[in-house]
């Protein structure tokens, strides 16, 4: 029912003015109570749209071509290199980003192994029935062993022969001792032990403890152990510190405190409980209370330099409307306006002026004269009606 008016316009009739449809590189925004189009660009493929002081603009992030990935950097996006990882490469983490390392596809007579954090293929051959696969200085090969009856089997200087080793009862495992096999005790691995690999492919039990309540289990060079983190009592929280966990202090935050982020961890800052005549506001990143009074019926609450207060506005009887005057509200007279008139703002209050209907590509505003039109497009606003 109301149309926006530029502060520079005064009394008179109304006309239709150009406003533009907001073509592809523009958006429509509110400026001092009326609308206009501002430039923001279409945001082509290497740009994204962000908010900058209430309007939009495009920032560069690049399209992230095949060898790049997109990451967050100080609130915006950028692309970092990782390469596509072609068939003979795999993707690994290197200090927080990704890269590709060579491992080759590994054809049939090769297997893939870990070599100082990356993968490669080493030869092992298929190993026909009378051979087994063994590790020789870090890679695999086949050596002869013959079939060997159930209680025999050893390695002698890189190839196999049969010798007695006994069946190995349940608490023992079979190990290699100077080229042959024997049984050694290892126990079933009770609850405080885990089974790990040591010395070229056999297993033993190592202690790790059950991890009592103030400990957690972590990976250390391929096996597990317990590290201390404490249970984190009520005034502490659990955080990640260099890959493991610990507790840091934050206190429980009693009723007059709130919890905030300070350089990556949490702390409590005072804000008080905010009794009825105070409200809580943001002051340079933390909270505090400031006075505003309870706001009796003829007052309303407004924003004044970051905090709240009450200002007078009165209830506004039927022939008045509420308007903004230098940041607060008041009531001004406006009357109802009959159908060929619209309601406008003249130096802070309202009145009715004649406007005519305006066809679809025009909208109405106040000018110092009669009716004029400019070509663009926007449906007109609705009619006004006069108060009896």
Protein backbone atom coordinates (compact mmCIF):
# COMPACT_ATOMS: atom_id res chain seq x y z
CA UNK A 1 0.00 0.00 0.00
CA UNK A 2 3.01 2.27 0.54
CA UNK A 3 5.55 3.28 -1.99
CA UNK A 4 9.14 4.27 -1.18
CA UNK A 5 10.14 7.90 -1.50
CA UNK A 6 13.64 9.33 -1.82
CA UNK A 7 14.47 11.91 0.90
CA UNK A 8 15.07 14.52 -1.78
CA UNK A 9 11.46 14.47 -3.03
CA UNK A 10 8.94 16.92 -1.58
CA UNK A 11 5.28 17.86 -2.21
CA UNK A 12 3.29 17.39 -5.34
CA UNK A 13 1.76 14.60 -7.33
CA UNK A 14 3.30 11.31 -8.13
CA UNK A 15 4.84 9.79 -11.21
CA UNK A 16 6.42 6.54 -12.34
CA UNK A 17 10.20 6.38 -12.26
CA UNK A 18 12.73 4.02 -13.68
CA UNK A 19 14.02 1.36 -11.36
CA UNK A 20 15.40 -1.27 -13.79
CA UNK A 21 14.50 -4.94 -13.68
CA UNK A 22 17.82 -5.77 -11.99
CA UNK A 23 19.61 -7.51 -14.82
CA UNK A 24 21.81 -10.52 -14.25
CA UNK A 25 24.70 -8.71 -12.63
CA UNK A 26 22.53 -6.73 -10.21
CA UNK A 27 20.46 -7.50 -7.14
CA UNK A 28 17.72 -5.48 -5.46
CA UNK A 29 18.45 -3.99 -2.03
CA UNK A 30 16.80 -1.60 0.45
CA UNK A 31 18.44 1.85 0.58
CA UNK A 32 16.92 4.37 3.01
CA UNK A 33 13.44 2.90 2.66
CA UNK A 34 13.26 2.35 -1.10
CA UNK A 35 14.63 -0.19 -3.54
CA UNK A 36 17.42 0.01 -6.04
CA UNK A 37 19.68 -2.38 -7.91
CA UNK A 38 23.31 -2.73 -6.96
CA UNK A 39 26.02 -4.49 -8.82
CA UNK A 40 27.25 -7.81 -7.58
CA UNK A 41 28.31 -9.53 -10.83
CA UNK A 42 26.96 -12.90 -11.87
CA UNK A 43 29.72 -14.74 -10.02
CA UNK A 44 31.32 -16.61 -12.88
CA UNK A 45 32.77 -20.07 -12.42
CA UNK A 46 35.86 -19.01 -10.54
CA UNK A 47 33.97 -16.79 -8.12
CA UNK A 48 31.58 -17.34 -5.23
CA UNK A 49 29.08 -14.96 -3.67
CA UNK A 50 29.67 -13.56 -0.18
CA UNK A 51 28.11 -10.92 2.07
CA UNK A 52 30.17 -7.71 2.37
CA UNK A 53 28.72 -4.97 4.60
CA UNK A 54 25.13 -5.91 3.84
CA UNK A 55 25.38 -6.36 0.07
CA UNK A 56 26.81 -9.08 -2.10
CA UNK A 57 29.98 -9.38 -4.07
CA UNK A 58 31.95 -12.15 -5.71
CA UNK A 59 35.28 -13.36 -4.41
CA UNK A 60 37.73 -15.48 -6.28
CA UNK A 61 38.23 -19.09 -5.42
CA UNK A 62 38.99 -20.59 -8.84
CA UNK A 63 37.00 -23.45 -10.31
CA UNK A 64 39.24 -26.06 -8.66
CA UNK A 65 40.47 -27.85 -11.74
CA UNK A 66 41.14 -31.57 -11.66
CA UNK A 67 44.32 -31.40 -9.64
CA UNK A 68 42.90 -29.11 -6.96
CA UNK A 69 40.47 -29.43 -4.08
CA UNK A 70 38.49 -26.73 -2.32
CA UNK A 71 39.24 -25.78 1.30
CA UNK A 72 38.14 -23.09 3.76
CA UNK A 73 40.74 -20.35 4.36
CA UNK A 74 39.83 -17.56 6.81
CA UNK A 75 36.13 -17.74 6.02
CA UNK A 76 36.42 -18.02 2.24
CA UNK A 77 37.27 -20.78 -0.14
CA UNK A 78 40.36 -21.52 -2.12
CA UNK A 79 41.76 -24.43 -4.09
CA UNK A 80 44.84 -26.35 -3.05
CA UNK A 81 46.79 -28.71 -5.18
CA UNK A 82 46.52 -32.43 -4.75
CA UNK A 83 46.62 -33.69 -8.37
CA UNK A 84 44.11 -36.13 -9.78
CA UNK A 85 46.16 -39.17 -8.72
CA UNK A 86 46.51 -41.16 -11.92
CA UNK A 87 46.45 -44.94 -11.88
CA UNK A 88 49.94 -45.42 -10.48
CA UNK A 89 49.43 -42.95 -7.64
CA UNK A 90 47.44 -42.90 -4.42
CA UNK A 91 46.28 -39.94 -2.37
CA UNK A 92 47.83 -39.35 1.05
CA UNK A 93 47.58 -36.67 3.75
CA UNK A 94 50.61 -34.37 3.98
CA UNK A 95 50.39 -31.81 6.81
CA UNK A 96 46.67 -31.26 6.40
CA UNK A 97 46.32 -31.31 2.62
CA UNK A 98 46.35 -34.04 0.01
CA UNK A 99 48.92 -35.17 -2.49
CA UNK A 100 49.56 -38.18 -4.73
CA UNK A 101 52.44 -40.60 -4.23
CA UNK A 102 53.57 -43.27 -6.62
CA UNK A 103 52.78 -46.90 -6.02
CA UNK A 104 52.31 -48.28 -9.57
CA UNK A 105 49.44 -50.55 -10.54
CA UNK A 106 51.23 -53.72 -9.39
CA UNK A 107 51.00 -56.32 -12.14
CA UNK A 108 50.31 -59.95 -11.34
CA UNK A 109 53.76 -60.89 -10.08
CA UNK A 110 53.94 -57.90 -7.76
CA UNK A 111 52.28 -56.95 -4.50
CA UNK A 112 51.78 -53.59 -2.88
CA UNK A 113 53.72 -52.77 0.29
CA UNK A 114 54.24 -49.75 2.56
CA UNK A 115 57.61 -48.04 2.17
CA UNK A 116 58.16 -45.03 4.45
CA UNK A 117 54.55 -43.86 4.31
CA UNK A 118 53.85 -44.55 0.63
CA UNK A 119 53.11 -47.61 -1.45
CA UNK A 120 55.16 -49.45 -4.04
CA UNK A 121 55.10 -52.78 -5.85
CA UNK A 122 57.70 -55.47 -5.20
CA UNK A 123 58.20 -58.76 -6.95
CA UNK A 124 57.01 -61.93 -5.32
CA UNK A 125 56.17 -64.31 -8.19
CA UNK A 126 53.24 -66.70 -8.06
CA UNK A 127 55.03 -69.36 -5.99
CA UNK A 128 54.28 -72.84 -7.28
CA UNK A 129 53.12 -75.59 -4.97
CA UNK A 130 56.52 -76.56 -3.58
CA UNK A 131 57.44 -73.00 -2.70
CA UNK A 132 56.28 -70.54 -0.07
CA UNK A 133 56.48 -66.81 0.00
CA UNK A 134 58.90 -65.25 2.46
CA UNK A 135 60.20 -61.78 3.31
CA UNK A 136 63.82 -61.23 2.38
CA UNK A 137 65.13 -57.81 3.41
CA UNK A 138 61.81 -56.05 2.92
CA UNK A 139 60.41 -57.71 -0.22
CA UNK A 140 58.82 -61.05 -1.07
CA UNK A 141 60.08 -64.07 -2.98
CA UNK A 142 59.38 -67.78 -3.33
CA UNK A 143 61.71 -70.39 -1.82
CA UNK A 144 61.56 -74.14 -1.96
CA UNK A 145 60.30 -75.96 1.08
CA UNK A 146 58.92 -79.33 -0.06
CA UNK A 147 55.65 -80.61 1.38
CA UNK A 148 56.86 -81.52 4.89
CA UNK A 149 54.76 -83.72 7.09
CA UNK A 150 52.64 -82.18 9.80
CA UNK A 151 55.27 -81.94 12.52
CA UNK A 152 58.04 -80.51 10.38
CA UNK A 153 58.82 -77.24 8.60
CA UNK A 154 61.75 -74.81 8.86
CA UNK A 155 63.67 -72.15 6.94
CA UNK A 156 67.37 -72.77 6.46
CA UNK A 157 69.45 -69.98 4.87
CA UNK A 158 66.62 -68.68 2.70
CA UNK A 159 65.14 -71.98 1.48
CA UNK A 160 62.97 -74.56 3.19
CA UNK A 161 63.50 -77.98 4.59
CA UNK A 162 61.57 -80.19 6.99
CA UNK A 163 62.46 -80.63 10.62
CA UNK A 164 60.58 -81.49 13.74
CA UNK A 165 58.89 -78.70 15.56
CA UNK A 166 56.14 -80.43 17.62
CA UNK A 167 52.50 -79.46 17.46
CA UNK A 168 52.74 -76.38 19.71
CA UNK A 169 50.13 -76.49 22.44
CA UNK A 170 47.60 -73.74 22.95
CA UNK A 171 49.71 -71.39 25.03
CA UNK A 172 52.62 -71.51 22.59
CA UNK A 173 53.16 -70.15 19.12
CA UNK A 174 55.52 -71.19 16.35
CA UNK A 175 58.46 -68.85 15.71
CA UNK A 176 61.61 -68.83 13.61
CA UNK A 177 64.82 -69.35 15.55
CA UNK A 178 68.01 -69.13 13.49
CA UNK A 179 66.33 -70.45 10.37
CA UNK A 180 64.09 -73.08 11.94
CA UNK A 181 60.80 -73.20 13.82
CA UNK A 182 60.09 -73.92 17.43
CA UNK A 183 57.32 -73.33 19.94
CA UNK A 184 57.62 -70.54 22.47
CA UNK A 185 55.27 -69.53 25.22
CA UNK A 186 53.13 -66.49 24.62
CA UNK A 187 50.02 -67.10 26.77
CA UNK A 188 46.53 -66.48 25.46
CA UNK A 189 46.98 -62.69 25.79
CA UNK A 190 45.08 -61.76 28.90
CA UNK A 191 42.96 -58.64 29.06
CA UNK A 192 45.82 -56.22 29.60
CA UNK A 193 47.76 -57.50 26.60
CA UNK A 194 47.28 -57.27 22.86
CA UNK A 195 48.85 -59.30 20.06
CA UNK A 196 51.29 -57.45 17.83
CA UNK A 197 53.72 -58.35 15.06
CA UNK A 198 57.42 -58.44 15.89
CA UNK A 199 60.46 -59.82 14.11
CA UNK A 200 59.43 -60.72 10.57
CA UNK A 201 55.82 -61.78 10.71
CA UNK A 202 55.21 -63.62 13.97
CA UNK A 203 53.14 -62.55 16.92
CA UNK A 204 53.64 -61.87 20.60
CA UNK A 205 51.57 -60.28 23.34
CA UNK A 206 52.54 -56.87 24.61
CA UNK A 207 51.14 -55.02 27.57
CA UNK A 208 48.78 -52.15 27.01
CA UNK A 209 46.68 -52.34 30.20
CA UNK A 210 42.91 -52.20 30.17
CA UNK A 211 43.05 -48.39 29.96
CA UNK A 212 41.51 -47.31 33.23
CA UNK A 213 39.12 -44.41 33.33
CA UNK A 214 41.71 -41.64 33.10
CA UNK A 215 43.46 -43.13 30.08
CA UNK A 216 42.62 -43.55 26.41
CA UNK A 217 44.02 -45.93 23.84
CA UNK A 218 46.06 -44.54 20.97
CA UNK A 219 48.13 -45.82 18.04
CA UNK A 220 51.90 -45.64 18.57
CA UNK A 221 54.03 -46.86 15.64
CA UNK A 222 51.47 -49.46 14.58
CA UNK A 223 50.43 -50.87 17.95
CA UNK A 224 48.28 -49.64 20.80
CA UNK A 225 49.03 -48.12 24.16
CA UNK A 226 47.22 -46.08 26.81
CA UNK A 227 47.87 -42.40 27.35
CA UNK A 228 46.69 -40.23 30.17
CA UNK A 229 43.93 -37.71 29.69
CA UNK A 230 42.17 -37.78 33.09
CA UNK A 231 38.43 -38.19 33.42
CA UNK A 232 37.87 -34.45 32.90
CA UNK A 233 36.10 -33.30 36.05
CA UNK A 234 33.28 -30.80 35.89
CA UNK A 235 35.42 -27.71 35.32
CA UNK A 236 37.40 -29.26 32.49
CA UNK A 237 36.61 -30.24 28.92
CA UNK A 238 38.37 -32.66 26.63
CA UNK A 239 40.28 -31.34 23.64
CA UNK A 240 42.71 -32.61 21.01
CA UNK A 241 46.36 -31.69 21.65
CA UNK A 242 48.87 -32.81 19.00
CA UNK A 243 46.90 -35.93 18.10
CA UNK A 244 45.99 -37.15 21.58
CA UNK A 245 43.50 -35.99 24.18
CA UNK A 246 43.83 -33.96 27.32
CA UNK A 247 41.61 -31.90 29.62
CA UNK A 248 41.73 -28.12 29.73
CA UNK A 249 40.16 -25.85 32.28
CA UNK A 250 37.02 -23.93 31.51
CA UNK A 251 35.21 -24.01 34.89
CA UNK A 252 31.56 -24.89 35.24
CA UNK A 253 30.46 -21.31 34.46
CA UNK A 254 28.30 -20.26 37.39
CA UNK A 255 25.03 -18.45 36.85
CA UNK A 256 26.51 -15.02 36.14
CA UNK A 257 29.00 -16.30 33.59
CA UNK A 258 28.73 -17.63 30.03
CA UNK A 259 31.13 -19.74 28.03
CA UNK A 260 32.92 -18.16 25.06
CA UNK A 261 35.67 -19.12 22.60
CA UNK A 262 39.06 -17.51 23.29
CA UNK A 263 41.86 -18.45 20.87
CA UNK A 264 40.50 -21.94 20.26
CA UNK A 265 39.54 -22.95 23.78
CA UNK A 266 36.68 -22.08 26.13
CA UNK A 267 36.43 -19.83 29.14
CA UNK A 268 33.73 -18.15 31.24
CA UNK A 269 33.13 -14.41 31.18
CA UNK A 270 30.89 -12.39 33.43
CA UNK A 271 27.58 -11.10 32.22
CA UNK A 272 25.44 -11.13 35.44
CA UNK A 273 22.03 -12.72 35.62
CA UNK A 274 20.29 -9.69 34.06
CA UNK A 275 17.57 -8.64 36.47
CA UNK A 276 14.24 -7.41 35.16
CA UNK A 277 15.27 -3.82 34.37
CA UNK A 278 18.41 -4.89 32.51
CA UNK A 279 19.02 -6.70 29.25
CA UNK A 280 22.00 -8.59 27.93
CA UNK A 281 23.95 -7.12 24.99
CA UNK A 282 27.12 -7.86 23.03
CA UNK A 283 30.06 -5.59 23.87
CA UNK A 284 33.21 -6.29 21.81
CA UNK A 285 32.68 -10.04 21.70
CA UNK A 286 31.46 -10.68 25.24
CA UNK A 287 28.21 -10.11 27.10
CA UNK A 288 27.12 -7.58 29.67
CA UNK A 289 23.90 -6.16 31.15
CA UNK A 290 22.68 -2.62 30.65
CA UNK A 291 19.67 -0.78 31.97
CA UNK A 292 16.57 -0.30 29.92
CA UNK A 293 13.70 -0.34 32.47
CA UNK A 294 10.72 -2.65 32.16
CA UNK A 295 9.19 -0.63 29.27
CA UNK A 296 5.80 0.62 30.41
CA UNK A 297 2.92 0.85 27.95
CA UNK A 298 3.87 4.19 26.36
CA UNK A 299 7.45 3.15 25.70
CA UNK A 300 9.07 0.73 23.30
CA UNK A 301 12.48 -0.88 23.28
CA UNK A 302 14.97 0.18 20.60
CA UNK A 303 18.65 -0.29 19.74
CA UNK A 304 20.92 2.57 20.84
CA UNK A 305 24.64 2.15 20.00
CA UNK A 306 24.65 -1.61 20.45
CA UNK A 307 22.45 -1.82 23.55
CA UNK A 308 18.73 -1.54 24.26
CA UNK A 309 16.72 1.20 25.93
CA UNK A 310 13.10 2.38 26.18
CA UNK A 311 11.81 5.44 24.32
CA UNK A 312 8.41 7.05 24.33
CA UNK A 313 6.07 6.38 21.44
CA UNK A 314 2.50 6.53 22.81
CA UNK A 315 -0.15 4.02 21.80
CA UNK A 316 -1.04 5.72 18.45
CA UNK A 317 -4.80 6.12 18.04
CA UNK A 318 -6.58 5.07 14.85
CA UNK A 319 -5.80 8.14 12.72
CA UNK A 320 -2.08 7.95 13.41
CA UNK A 321 0.68 5.63 12.30
CA UNK A 322 4.06 4.91 13.83
CA UNK A 323 7.18 6.12 11.99
CA UNK A 324 10.95 6.18 12.51
CA UNK A 325 12.37 9.58 13.51
CA UNK A 326 16.15 9.58 14.14
CA UNK A 327 16.19 6.01 15.44
CA UNK A 328 13.06 5.92 17.59
CA UNK A 329 9.29 5.66 16.99
CA UNK A 330 6.46 8.16 17.23
CA UNK A 331 2.86 8.58 16.02
CA UNK A 332 1.94 10.93 13.16
CA UNK A 333 -1.36 11.69 11.48
CA UNK A 334 -1.99 10.16 8.09
CA UNK A 335 -5.75 9.85 7.26
CA UNK A 336 -7.09 6.89 5.26
CA UNK A 337 -6.66 8.19 1.62
CA UNK A 338 -9.31 7.54 -1.06
CA UNK A 339 -8.70 5.31 -4.07
CA UNK A 340 -7.04 7.84 -6.38
CA UNK A 341 -4.59 8.93 -3.71
CA UNK A 342 -1.61 7.25 -2.11
CA UNK A 343 -0.02 7.76 1.26
CA UNK A 344 3.43 9.34 1.25
CA UNK A 345 6.00 10.66 3.70
CA UNK A 346 6.52 14.43 3.70
CA UNK A 347 9.23 15.60 6.11
CA UNK A 348 8.58 12.76 8.52
CA UNK A 349 4.76 12.53 8.48
CA UNK A 350 2.15 11.07 6.15
CA UNK A 351 -0.45 12.55 3.82
CA UNK A 352 -2.45 11.58 0.73
CA UNK A 353 -1.56 12.74 -2.79
CA UNK A 354 -2.96 11.92 -6.20
CA UNK A 355 -1.05 9.35 -8.19
CA UNK A 356 -2.98 7.63 -11.05
CA UNK A 357 -2.70 3.89 -11.66
CA UNK A 358 0.62 3.50 -13.64
CA UNK A 359 0.93 0.60 -16.10
CA UNK A 360 2.94 -2.55 -15.48
CA UNK A 361 6.40 -1.29 -16.34
CA UNK A 362 6.24 1.68 -14.00
CA UNK A 363 6.06 2.43 -10.30
CA UNK A 364 4.90 5.54 -8.42
CA UNK A 365 6.92 8.17 -6.57
CA UNK A 366 6.49 11.76 -5.44
CA UNK A 367 7.66 14.65 -7.67
CA UNK A 368 7.21 18.39 -7.63
CA UNK A 369 4.84 18.33 -10.57
CA UNK A 370 2.37 16.29 -12.52
CA UNK A 371 2.62 12.77 -13.86
CA UNK A 372 5.58 11.48 -15.83
CA UNK A 373 6.74 7.98 -16.78
CA UNK A 374 10.03 6.18 -17.53
CA UNK A 375 10.34 2.84 -19.27
CA UNK A 376 11.28 -0.17 -17.16
CA UNK A 377 9.28 -2.97 -15.56
CA UNK A 378 7.59 -3.59 -12.23
CA UNK A 379 3.91 -4.13 -11.28
CA UNK A 380 2.39 -1.20 -9.43
CA UNK A 381 1.46 -1.38 -5.77
CA UNK A 382 -2.15 -1.62 -4.63
CA UNK A 383 -4.73 1.15 -4.33
CA UNK A 384 -5.47 3.13 -1.17
CA UNK A 385 -8.95 3.70 0.27
CA UNK A 386 -10.31 6.82 1.92
CA UNK A 387 -11.38 6.90 5.55
CA UNK A 388 -15.09 7.80 5.90
